[in-house]
Amino acid sequence: MITLSIILQAAATAGLAKFGAAIGAGLAAIAAGIGIGKIGGSALESIARQPEAAGDIRSNMIVAAALIEGAAFFAIIICLLAIVL
């Protein structure tokens, strides 16, 4: 089985590895921003429709945003590893 380190070492030998890692980190950050923005907008609409459920909606929004940020940080770390290795 091919491990991540072998793939990253093979990509580092190519001249486009750093460029690809930078593009990947940028796309991960942009996608996370769009996702969190959609979650926030939908949560505000939901709270406006049902103000009595604001606490539940807010807590679910925070959990979903944290999961998206975690995935984005993972993608950015992988891209940074591609640059370093």
N, C-alpha and C. Protein backbone atom coordinates (compact mmCIF):
# COMPACT_ATOMS: atom_id res chain seq x y z
N MET A 1 0.84 -1.18 0.00
CA MET A 1 0.00 0.00 0.00
C MET A 1 0.88 1.24 0.00
N ILE A 2 0.51 2.18 -0.82
CA ILE A 2 1.29 3.41 -0.94
C ILE A 2 0.90 4.34 0.20
N THR A 3 1.88 4.80 0.94
CA THR A 3 1.59 5.69 2.06
C THR A 3 1.65 7.14 1.61
N LEU A 4 1.16 8.01 2.46
CA LEU A 4 1.12 9.42 2.13
C LEU A 4 2.51 10.01 1.97
N SER A 5 3.46 9.55 2.79
CA SER A 5 4.81 10.10 2.70
C SER A 5 5.46 9.76 1.37
N ILE A 6 5.20 8.58 0.85
CA ILE A 6 5.77 8.20 -0.45
C ILE A 6 5.17 9.06 -1.55
N ILE A 7 3.87 9.30 -1.47
CA ILE A 7 3.21 10.14 -2.47
C ILE A 7 3.75 11.57 -2.40
N LEU A 8 3.91 12.08 -1.18
CA LEU A 8 4.41 13.44 -1.03
C LEU A 8 5.85 13.56 -1.50
N GLN A 9 6.69 12.53 -1.25
CA GLN A 9 8.06 12.57 -1.72
C GLN A 9 8.12 12.52 -3.25
N ALA A 10 7.25 11.74 -3.85
CA ALA A 10 7.21 11.67 -5.30
C ALA A 10 6.75 12.99 -5.90
N ALA A 11 5.79 13.63 -5.24
CA ALA A 11 5.30 14.91 -5.74
C ALA A 11 6.33 16.01 -5.54
N ALA A 12 7.16 15.88 -4.51
CA ALA A 12 8.15 16.92 -4.24
C ALA A 12 9.24 16.93 -5.30
N THR A 13 9.45 15.81 -5.96
CA THR A 13 10.47 15.79 -7.01
C THR A 13 10.00 16.54 -8.25
N ALA A 14 8.70 16.63 -8.42
CA ALA A 14 8.17 17.37 -9.56
C ALA A 14 8.25 18.87 -9.26
N GLY A 15 8.40 19.66 -10.29
CA GLY A 15 8.54 21.10 -10.10
C GLY A 15 7.25 21.80 -9.69
N LEU A 16 6.12 21.16 -9.90
CA LEU A 16 4.84 21.80 -9.62
C LEU A 16 4.28 21.47 -8.24
N ALA A 17 5.05 20.80 -7.40
CA ALA A 17 4.53 20.38 -6.09
C ALA A 17 4.18 21.58 -5.22
N LYS A 18 5.04 22.56 -5.16
CA LYS A 18 4.78 23.72 -4.31
C LYS A 18 3.61 24.54 -4.85
N PHE A 19 3.54 24.65 -6.16
CA PHE A 19 2.41 25.38 -6.75
C PHE A 19 1.10 24.66 -6.47
N GLY A 20 1.09 23.36 -6.61
CA GLY A 20 -0.12 22.57 -6.34
C GLY A 20 -0.53 22.64 -4.88
N ALA A 21 0.47 22.64 -3.98
CA ALA A 21 0.16 22.73 -2.56
C ALA A 21 -0.44 24.09 -2.22
N ALA A 22 0.08 25.13 -2.83
CA ALA A 22 -0.46 26.47 -2.59
C ALA A 22 -1.89 26.59 -3.11
N ILE A 23 -2.14 26.03 -4.27
CA ILE A 23 -3.49 26.04 -4.83
C ILE A 23 -4.44 25.24 -3.93
N GLY A 24 -3.98 24.09 -3.45
CA GLY A 24 -4.81 23.27 -2.58
C GLY A 24 -5.14 23.96 -1.27
N ALA A 25 -4.17 24.64 -0.67
CA ALA A 25 -4.42 25.36 0.58
C ALA A 25 -5.40 26.50 0.35
N GLY A 26 -5.25 27.19 -0.76
CA GLY A 26 -6.18 28.28 -1.07
C GLY A 26 -7.59 27.79 -1.30
N LEU A 27 -7.73 26.70 -2.03
CA LEU A 27 -9.06 26.15 -2.27
C LEU A 27 -9.71 25.65 -0.98
N ALA A 28 -8.91 25.06 -0.10
CA ALA A 28 -9.45 24.58 1.18
C ALA A 28 -9.95 25.75 2.02
N ALA A 29 -9.21 26.84 2.05
CA ALA A 29 -9.63 28.01 2.83
C ALA A 29 -10.88 28.65 2.22
N ILE A 30 -10.92 28.75 0.91
CA ILE A 30 -12.09 29.35 0.25
C ILE A 30 -13.33 28.48 0.46
N ALA A 31 -13.19 27.19 0.31
CA ALA A 31 -14.33 26.29 0.49
C ALA A 31 -14.84 26.32 1.92
N ALA A 32 -13.93 26.39 2.89
CA ALA A 32 -14.36 26.46 4.29
C ALA A 32 -15.11 27.77 4.55
N GLY A 33 -14.64 28.85 3.99
CA GLY A 33 -15.32 30.13 4.17
C GLY A 33 -16.71 30.13 3.57
N ILE A 34 -16.84 29.55 2.40
CA ILE A 34 -18.16 29.46 1.76
C ILE A 34 -19.09 28.57 2.58
N GLY A 35 -18.57 27.44 3.04
CA GLY A 35 -19.40 26.53 3.84
C GLY A 35 -19.88 27.14 5.13
N ILE A 36 -18.99 27.81 5.85
CA ILE A 36 -19.37 28.43 7.11
C ILE A 36 -20.34 29.59 6.86
N GLY A 37 -20.14 30.31 5.77
CA GLY A 37 -21.08 31.38 5.42
C GLY A 37 -22.47 30.85 5.14
N LYS A 38 -22.55 29.73 4.43
CA LYS A 38 -23.87 29.14 4.16
C LYS A 38 -24.53 28.65 5.44
N ILE A 39 -23.73 28.07 6.34
CA ILE A 39 -24.28 27.61 7.61
C ILE A 39 -24.82 28.78 8.41
N GLY A 40 -24.05 29.87 8.47
CA GLY A 40 -24.49 31.04 9.21
C GLY A 40 -25.75 31.66 8.64
N GLY A 41 -25.81 31.77 7.32
CA GLY A 41 -26.99 32.33 6.69
C GLY A 41 -28.24 31.48 6.92
N SER A 42 -28.06 30.18 6.80
CA SER A 42 -29.20 29.29 7.01
C SER A 42 -29.65 29.31 8.47
N ALA A 43 -28.69 29.41 9.38
CA ALA A 43 -29.05 29.47 10.80
C ALA A 43 -29.81 30.75 11.11
N LEU A 44 -29.38 31.87 10.54
CA LEU A 44 -30.10 33.12 10.78
C LEU A 44 -31.52 33.07 10.22
N GLU A 45 -31.69 32.48 9.06
CA GLU A 45 -33.03 32.33 8.49
C GLU A 45 -33.90 31.43 9.38
N SER A 46 -33.30 30.36 9.89
CA SER A 46 -34.06 29.44 10.74
C SER A 46 -34.45 30.11 12.05
N ILE A 47 -33.54 30.90 12.63
CA ILE A 47 -33.86 31.59 13.88
C ILE A 47 -34.95 32.65 13.63
N ALA A 48 -34.91 33.29 12.48
CA ALA A 48 -35.94 34.29 12.16
C ALA A 48 -37.32 33.64 12.03
N ARG A 49 -37.36 32.41 11.53
CA ARG A 49 -38.64 31.73 11.36
C ARG A 49 -39.16 31.14 12.67
N GLN A 50 -38.21 30.62 13.49
CA GLN A 50 -38.61 30.00 14.76
C GLN A 50 -37.70 30.52 15.88
N PRO A 51 -38.00 31.68 16.42
CA PRO A 51 -37.13 32.26 17.46
C PRO A 51 -37.03 31.41 18.72
N GLU A 52 -38.03 30.59 18.99
CA GLU A 52 -38.00 29.76 20.20
C GLU A 52 -36.96 28.64 20.11
N ALA A 53 -36.52 28.30 18.92
CA ALA A 53 -35.53 27.24 18.73
C ALA A 53 -34.12 27.81 18.52
N ALA A 54 -33.90 29.05 18.91
CA ALA A 54 -32.61 29.70 18.64
C ALA A 54 -31.45 28.98 19.32
N GLY A 55 -31.63 28.50 20.53
CA GLY A 55 -30.55 27.83 21.25
C GLY A 55 -30.10 26.54 20.56
N ASP A 56 -31.06 25.74 20.14
CA ASP A 56 -30.73 24.49 19.45
C ASP A 56 -30.09 24.75 18.10
N ILE A 57 -30.62 25.70 17.38
CA ILE A 57 -30.07 26.03 16.06
C ILE A 57 -28.64 26.56 16.19
N ARG A 58 -28.42 27.42 17.18
CA ARG A 58 -27.09 28.00 17.38
C ARG A 58 -26.07 26.92 17.74
N SER A 59 -26.44 26.00 18.62
CA SER A 59 -25.49 24.96 19.01
C SER A 59 -25.18 24.02 17.84
N ASN A 60 -26.18 23.68 17.05
CA ASN A 60 -25.94 22.85 15.88
C ASN A 60 -25.08 23.58 14.84
N MET A 61 -25.29 24.89 14.71
CA MET A 61 -24.49 25.68 13.78
C MET A 61 -23.02 25.68 14.20
N ILE A 62 -22.77 25.83 15.48
CA ILE A 62 -21.39 25.87 15.96
C ILE A 62 -20.70 24.52 15.75
N VAL A 63 -21.40 23.44 15.99
CA VAL A 63 -20.82 22.11 15.77
C VAL A 63 -20.51 21.90 14.29
N ALA A 64 -21.42 22.27 13.41
CA ALA A 64 -21.18 22.10 11.97
C ALA A 64 -20.03 22.96 11.49
N ALA A 65 -19.95 24.20 11.98
CA ALA A 65 -18.85 25.08 11.59
C ALA A 65 -17.52 24.54 12.08
N ALA A 66 -17.50 23.97 13.28
CA ALA A 66 -16.26 23.39 13.80
C ALA A 66 -15.80 22.19 12.97
N LEU A 67 -16.74 21.39 12.51
CA LEU A 67 -16.38 20.25 11.66
C LEU A 67 -15.81 20.72 10.32
N ILE A 68 -16.39 21.76 9.76
CA ILE A 68 -15.88 22.29 8.49
C ILE A 68 -14.48 22.87 8.69
N GLU A 69 -14.28 23.61 9.78
CA GLU A 69 -12.95 24.17 10.04
C GLU A 69 -11.92 23.07 10.25
N GLY A 70 -12.31 21.99 10.92
CA GLY A 70 -11.38 20.88 11.12
C GLY A 70 -10.95 20.25 9.80
N ALA A 71 -11.90 20.07 8.90
CA ALA A 71 -11.56 19.52 7.60
C ALA A 71 -10.67 20.48 6.80
N ALA A 72 -10.93 21.77 6.91
CA ALA A 72 -10.11 22.76 6.20
C ALA A 72 -8.70 22.79 6.76
N PHE A 73 -8.56 22.75 8.09
CA PHE A 73 -7.23 22.73 8.69
C PHE A 73 -6.46 21.49 8.28
N PHE A 74 -7.15 20.35 8.21
CA PHE A 74 -6.50 19.11 7.77
C PHE A 74 -5.98 19.26 6.35
N ALA A 75 -6.78 19.83 5.47
CA ALA A 75 -6.36 20.01 4.08
C ALA A 75 -5.18 20.97 3.98
N ILE A 76 -5.21 22.04 4.77
CA ILE A 76 -4.10 23.00 4.73
C ILE A 76 -2.82 22.37 5.26
N ILE A 77 -2.91 21.55 6.32
CA ILE A 77 -1.72 20.88 6.86
C ILE A 77 -1.15 19.92 5.83
N ILE A 78 -1.98 19.20 5.13
CA ILE A 78 -1.51 18.28 4.09
C ILE A 78 -0.79 19.06 3.00
N CYS A 79 -1.34 20.21 2.61
CA CYS A 79 -0.70 21.03 1.59
C CYS A 79 0.64 21.57 2.08
N LEU A 80 0.72 21.97 3.35
CA LEU A 80 1.98 22.45 3.89
C LEU A 80 3.01 21.32 3.96
N LEU A 81 2.57 20.12 4.27
CA LEU A 81 3.48 18.97 4.25
C LEU A 81 4.02 18.71 2.85
N ALA A 82 3.18 18.93 1.87
CA ALA A 82 3.64 18.74 0.49
C ALA A 82 4.73 19.75 0.14
N ILE A 83 4.65 20.93 0.70
CA ILE A 83 5.68 21.94 0.44
C ILE A 83 6.98 21.57 1.14
N VAL A 84 6.88 21.15 2.40
CA VAL A 84 8.07 20.89 3.21
C VAL A 84 8.76 19.60 2.79
N LEU A 85 7.99 18.55 2.58
CA LEU A 85 8.62 17.26 2.25
C LEU A 85 8.96 17.20 0.82
